[in-house]
Amino acid sequence: MYLKRLKDLREDKDLRQREVASILNITRQQYGLYETGKRDIPAEFIKSLAIFYQTSTDYILELTNNIHSYTKSK
């Protein structure tokens, strides 16, 4: 499940849940519910986290194992 990816990405950056929650403008408790799977994380937050972690939404959602982000076409 993508929940492990969310936690792994956060821990790889040595961040706490409250720090990631601050990026998303939500409470630590709300982010904790997303990371533990007690609530579904909105697509807009997945997109924001992909940008923040410089990866793709596909990586977060486990559609690929390629951690590198896509490059935008001109």
C-alpha atoms as a PDB file:
ATOM      1  CA  MET A   1       0.000   0.000   0.000  1.00  0.00           C
ATOM      2  CA  TYR A   2       1.044   3.567  -0.619  1.00  0.00           C
ATOM      3  CA  LEU A   3       0.910   4.267   3.118  1.00  0.00           C
ATOM      4  CA  LYS A   4       4.352   2.758   3.594  1.00  0.00           C
ATOM      5  CA  ARG A   5       5.684   4.975   0.797  1.00  0.00           C
ATOM      6  CA  LEU A   6       4.315   8.083   2.523  1.00  0.00           C
ATOM      7  CA  LYS A   7       6.045   7.136   5.749  1.00  0.00           C
ATOM      8  CA  ASP A   8       9.272   6.083   4.030  1.00  0.00           C
ATOM      9  CA  LEU A   9       9.504   9.333   2.060  1.00  0.00           C
ATOM     10  CA  ARG A  10       8.918  11.348   5.237  1.00  0.00           C
ATOM     11  CA  GLU A  11      11.479   9.400   7.234  1.00  0.00           C
ATOM     12  CA  ASP A  12      14.050   9.576   4.416  1.00  0.00           C
ATOM     13  CA  LYS A  13      13.918  13.371   4.797  1.00  0.00           C
ATOM     14  CA  ASP A  14      14.113  13.072   8.616  1.00  0.00           C
ATOM     15  CA  LEU A  15      10.755  14.810   8.963  1.00  0.00           C
ATOM     16  CA  ARG A  16       8.093  14.425  11.615  1.00  0.00           C
ATOM     17  CA  GLN A  17       4.420  14.096  10.831  1.00  0.00           C
ATOM     18  CA  ARG A  18       3.789  17.632  12.094  1.00  0.00           C
ATOM     19  CA  GLU A  19       6.313  19.019   9.607  1.00  0.00           C
ATOM     20  CA  VAL A  20       4.633  17.296   6.672  1.00  0.00           C
ATOM     21  CA  ALA A  21       1.232  18.347   7.995  1.00  0.00           C
ATOM     22  CA  SER A  22       2.448  21.939   8.041  1.00  0.00           C
ATOM     23  CA  ILE A  23       3.383  21.691   4.350  1.00  0.00           C
ATOM     24  CA  LEU A  24      -0.178  20.546   3.613  1.00  0.00           C
ATOM     25  CA  ASN A  25      -1.727  23.122   5.993  1.00  0.00           C
ATOM     26  CA  ILE A  26      -3.431  20.447   8.070  1.00  0.00           C
ATOM     27  CA  THR A  27      -3.021  19.161  11.618  1.00  0.00           C
ATOM     28  CA  ARG A  28      -0.547  16.476  12.591  1.00  0.00           C
ATOM     29  CA  GLN A  29      -3.476  14.330  13.679  1.00  0.00           C
ATOM     30  CA  GLN A  30      -5.079  14.610  10.235  1.00  0.00           C
ATOM     31  CA  TYR A  31      -1.834  13.684   8.496  1.00  0.00           C
ATOM     32  CA  GLY A  32      -1.397  10.767  10.901  1.00  0.00           C
ATOM     33  CA  LEU A  33      -4.785   9.426   9.831  1.00  0.00           C
ATOM     34  CA  TYR A  34      -3.654   9.525   6.202  1.00  0.00           C
ATOM     35  CA  GLU A  35      -0.341   7.835   6.907  1.00  0.00           C
ATOM     36  CA  THR A  36      -1.978   5.038   8.913  1.00  0.00           C
ATOM     37  CA  GLY A  37      -4.744   4.491   6.378  1.00  0.00           C
ATOM     38  CA  LYS A  38      -7.581   5.481   8.674  1.00  0.00           C
ATOM     39  CA  ARG A  39      -8.565   8.156   6.136  1.00  0.00           C
ATOM     40  CA  ASP A  40      -8.019   8.366   2.405  1.00  0.00           C
ATOM     41  CA  ILE A  41      -5.571  11.069   1.425  1.00  0.00           C
ATOM     42  CA  PRO A  42      -6.955  13.548  -1.118  1.00  0.00           C
ATOM     43  CA  ALA A  43      -5.383  13.564  -4.581  1.00  0.00           C
ATOM     44  CA  GLU A  44      -4.365  17.204  -4.163  1.00  0.00           C
ATOM     45  CA  PHE A  45      -2.246  16.232  -1.133  1.00  0.00           C
ATOM     46  CA  ILE A  46      -0.619  13.360  -3.023  1.00  0.00           C
ATOM     47  CA  LYS A  47       0.273  15.819  -5.782  1.00  0.00           C
ATOM     48  CA  SER A  48       1.675  18.323  -3.258  1.00  0.00           C
ATOM     49  CA  LEU A  49       3.751  15.638  -1.574  1.00  0.00           C
ATOM     50  CA  ALA A  50       5.085  14.381  -4.910  1.00  0.00           C
ATOM     51  CA  ILE A  51       6.259  17.897  -5.707  1.00  0.00           C
ATOM     52  CA  PHE A  52       7.735  18.346  -2.228  1.00  0.00           C
ATOM     53  CA  TYR A  53       9.567  14.993  -2.266  1.00  0.00           C
ATOM     54  CA  GLN A  54      10.556  15.474  -5.928  1.00  0.00           C
ATOM     55  CA  THR A  55       9.017  12.200  -7.002  1.00  0.00           C
ATOM     56  CA  SER A  56       5.935  11.198  -8.962  1.00  0.00           C
ATOM     57  CA  THR A  57       2.430  10.495  -7.786  1.00  0.00           C
ATOM     58  CA  ASP A  58       2.846   7.099  -9.461  1.00  0.00           C
ATOM     59  CA  TYR A  59       5.723   6.338  -7.091  1.00  0.00           C
ATOM     60  CA  ILE A  60       3.719   7.366  -4.030  1.00  0.00           C
ATOM     61  CA  LEU A  61       0.760   5.250  -5.200  1.00  0.00           C
ATOM     62  CA  GLU A  62       3.074   2.287  -5.947  1.00  0.00           C
ATOM     63  CA  LEU A  63       2.307   2.256  -9.662  1.00  0.00           C
ATOM     64  CA  THR A  64       6.062   2.361 -10.284  1.00  0.00           C
ATOM     65  CA  ASN A  65       9.220   1.701  -8.329  1.00  0.00           C
ATOM     66  CA  ASN A  66      11.015   4.541 -10.099  1.00  0.00           C
ATOM     67  CA  ILE A  67      11.434   7.222  -7.413  1.00  0.00           C
ATOM     68  CA  HIS A  68      12.476   9.912  -9.906  1.00  0.00           C
ATOM     69  CA  SER A  69       9.891  12.450 -10.944  1.00  0.00           C
ATOM     70  CA  TYR A  70       8.690  12.999 -14.465  1.00  0.00           C
ATOM     71  CA  THR A  71      10.005  15.901 -16.458  1.00  0.00           C
ATOM     72  CA  LYS A  72       7.469  18.331 -17.845  1.00  0.00           C
ATOM     73  CA  SER A  73       7.061  18.532 -21.596  1.00  0.00           C
ATOM     74  CA  LYS A  74       7.440  21.912 -23.247  1.00  0.00           C
END
